[in-house]
Amino acid sequence: MSTNITTETRRRGELIERELTQSILGAAIDVHRSLGPGLLESAYEECLCHDLGLRRLRFERQVPLPLNYKGIVLECGYRLDVVVEDKVILELKAIEQLLPVHEAQLMTYLRLTGKPIGLLINFNVSTLRKGIIRRVL
């Protein structure tokens, strides 16, 4: 019986997180439809955070990410663009093309923070759906 409860709980958790990421992506799509490609990342971040607030989602911007290396905490200047509901890391870009290094960056952020989900969103595309990568740790 505990296996069924565990499986059911996991499914519910995945559904909640799916709803959360869908809401985040809805906000990102609204921003992209309004602004289009070609602006600076900071403009998209500002507008996306405004829309997240309108959707009553809790978020933090430019969250410091210290590194713990062999027991030493290093303040290296890394920052997470946006963290939503303390679960989803948003790594925002406004670049010509996403590269494997950008996905690796997101995966490293997930691993270092223990957050379960990350969204890599590139606003410099004709259709935003082409600029979204979702990863789960």
Protein backbone atom coordinates (compact mmCIF):
# COMPACT_ATOMS: atom_id res chain seq x y z
CA MET A 1 0.00 0.00 0.00
CA SER A 2 2.83 2.44 0.70
CA THR A 3 4.01 2.08 -2.91
CA ASN A 4 0.60 3.22 -4.17
CA ILE A 5 0.59 6.18 -1.79
CA THR A 6 4.11 7.13 -2.85
CA THR A 7 3.23 6.84 -6.54
CA GLU A 8 0.02 8.81 -6.09
CA THR A 9 1.79 11.54 -4.11
CA ARG A 10 4.48 11.80 -6.77
CA ARG A 11 1.85 12.08 -9.51
CA ARG A 12 0.04 14.82 -7.59
CA GLY A 13 3.33 16.65 -7.10
CA GLU A 14 4.13 16.38 -10.80
CA LEU A 15 0.67 17.71 -11.68
CA ILE A 16 1.05 20.66 -9.34
CA GLU A 17 4.45 21.44 -10.75
CA ARG A 18 3.10 21.04 -14.29
CA GLU A 19 0.33 23.55 -13.51
CA LEU A 20 2.91 25.89 -12.03
CA THR A 21 5.20 25.67 -15.06
CA GLN A 22 2.23 26.11 -17.40
CA SER A 23 1.27 29.29 -15.55
CA ILE A 24 4.86 30.56 -15.75
CA LEU A 25 5.04 29.76 -19.45
CA GLY A 26 1.69 31.45 -20.02
CA ALA A 27 3.12 34.61 -18.49
CA ALA A 28 6.27 34.32 -20.63
CA ILE A 29 4.19 33.85 -23.78
CA ASP A 30 2.11 36.92 -22.90
CA VAL A 31 5.29 38.97 -22.48
CA HIS A 32 6.74 37.69 -25.76
CA ARG A 33 3.49 38.36 -27.67
CA SER A 34 3.44 41.91 -26.35
CA LEU A 35 7.11 42.77 -26.81
CA GLY A 36 8.39 40.42 -29.51
CA PRO A 37 12.07 39.49 -29.90
CA GLY A 38 15.02 41.87 -29.93
CA LEU A 39 15.08 43.48 -26.48
CA LEU A 40 17.53 43.06 -23.62
CA GLU A 41 17.13 40.18 -21.18
CA SER A 42 16.55 42.66 -18.35
CA ALA A 43 13.43 44.06 -20.07
CA TYR A 44 11.94 40.59 -20.44
CA GLU A 45 12.78 39.78 -16.82
CA GLU A 46 11.07 42.93 -15.58
CA CYS A 47 7.91 42.31 -17.61
CA LEU A 48 7.80 38.59 -16.82
CA CYS A 49 8.04 39.30 -13.10
CA HIS A 50 5.21 41.82 -13.43
CA ASP A 51 3.05 39.12 -15.08
CA LEU A 52 4.03 36.51 -12.48
CA GLY A 53 2.82 38.94 -9.82
CA LEU A 54 -0.46 39.43 -11.68
CA ARG A 55 -0.88 35.64 -11.58
CA ARG A 56 -0.24 35.78 -7.82
CA LEU A 57 2.89 33.66 -8.05
CA ARG A 58 5.62 34.21 -5.48
CA PHE A 59 9.00 34.91 -7.03
CA GLU A 60 12.46 36.21 -6.25
CA ARG A 61 14.71 37.97 -8.71
CA GLN A 62 18.49 37.81 -9.03
CA VAL A 63 18.85 35.28 -6.22
CA PRO A 64 22.48 34.90 -5.06
CA LEU A 65 23.94 31.43 -5.57
CA PRO A 66 27.05 30.84 -3.47
CA LEU A 67 29.15 27.78 -4.21
CA ASN A 68 30.05 25.29 -1.50
CA TYR A 69 33.42 23.82 -2.42
CA LYS A 70 35.03 21.35 -0.02
CA GLY A 71 33.32 22.98 2.93
CA ILE A 72 34.16 26.53 1.91
CA VAL A 73 31.34 28.84 0.85
CA LEU A 74 32.44 30.94 -2.12
CA GLU A 75 30.56 34.06 -3.12
CA CYS A 76 31.36 33.98 -6.83
CA GLY A 77 28.70 36.36 -8.07
CA TYR A 78 26.38 33.74 -9.54
CA ARG A 79 22.72 34.74 -9.54
CA LEU A 80 19.58 32.89 -10.49
CA ASP A 81 17.49 35.11 -12.77
CA VAL A 82 14.14 34.23 -11.20
CA VAL A 83 12.93 31.57 -8.73
CA VAL A 84 9.16 30.97 -8.68
CA GLU A 85 7.35 29.52 -5.66
CA ASP A 86 10.74 28.31 -4.35
CA LYS A 87 10.47 25.42 -6.85
CA VAL A 88 11.18 26.57 -10.38
CA ILE A 89 14.36 28.26 -11.59
CA LEU A 90 13.93 30.50 -14.61
CA GLU A 91 17.07 31.08 -16.63
CA LEU A 92 16.23 33.86 -19.06
CA LYS A 93 18.05 34.61 -22.29
CA ALA A 94 17.69 37.04 -25.17
CA ILE A 95 20.23 35.51 -27.54
CA GLU A 96 20.39 34.32 -31.13
CA GLN A 97 20.39 30.64 -30.25
CA LEU A 98 20.38 28.44 -27.15
CA LEU A 99 23.49 26.31 -26.87
CA PRO A 100 24.23 23.15 -24.88
CA VAL A 101 26.20 25.26 -22.38
CA HIS A 102 23.00 27.15 -21.47
CA GLU A 103 21.21 23.90 -20.72
CA ALA A 104 24.24 22.72 -18.72
CA GLN A 105 24.12 25.99 -16.75
CA LEU A 106 20.47 25.36 -15.86
CA MET A 107 21.16 21.77 -14.82
CA THR A 108 24.04 22.93 -12.62
CA TYR A 109 21.78 25.50 -10.96
CA LEU A 110 19.19 22.78 -10.28
CA ARG A 111 21.82 20.48 -8.82
CA LEU A 112 23.38 23.20 -6.64
CA THR A 113 20.06 24.43 -5.26
CA GLY A 114 18.12 21.16 -5.10
CA LYS A 115 15.20 22.86 -6.86
CA PRO A 116 13.14 20.32 -8.83
CA ILE A 117 12.40 22.17 -12.07
CA GLY A 118 14.11 24.63 -14.37
CA LEU A 119 12.93 26.54 -17.39
CA LEU A 120 15.39 27.95 -19.88
CA ILE A 121 13.54 30.66 -21.82
CA ASN A 122 15.03 32.47 -24.81
CA PHE A 123 12.94 35.51 -25.75
CA ASN A 124 14.92 36.25 -28.93
CA VAL A 125 12.90 33.89 -31.14
CA SER A 126 9.99 34.39 -33.52
CA THR A 127 7.73 32.03 -31.56
CA LEU A 128 8.46 31.59 -27.85
CA ARG A 129 7.67 27.86 -27.89
CA LYS A 130 10.86 27.44 -29.96
CA GLY A 131 12.87 29.07 -27.17
CA ILE A 132 11.79 26.99 -24.17
CA ILE A 133 13.60 24.08 -22.55
CA ARG A 134 12.09 22.45 -19.43
CA ARG A 135 14.31 20.30 -17.23
CA VAL A 136 13.54 18.29 -14.11
CA LEU A 137 16.19 17.25 -11.60
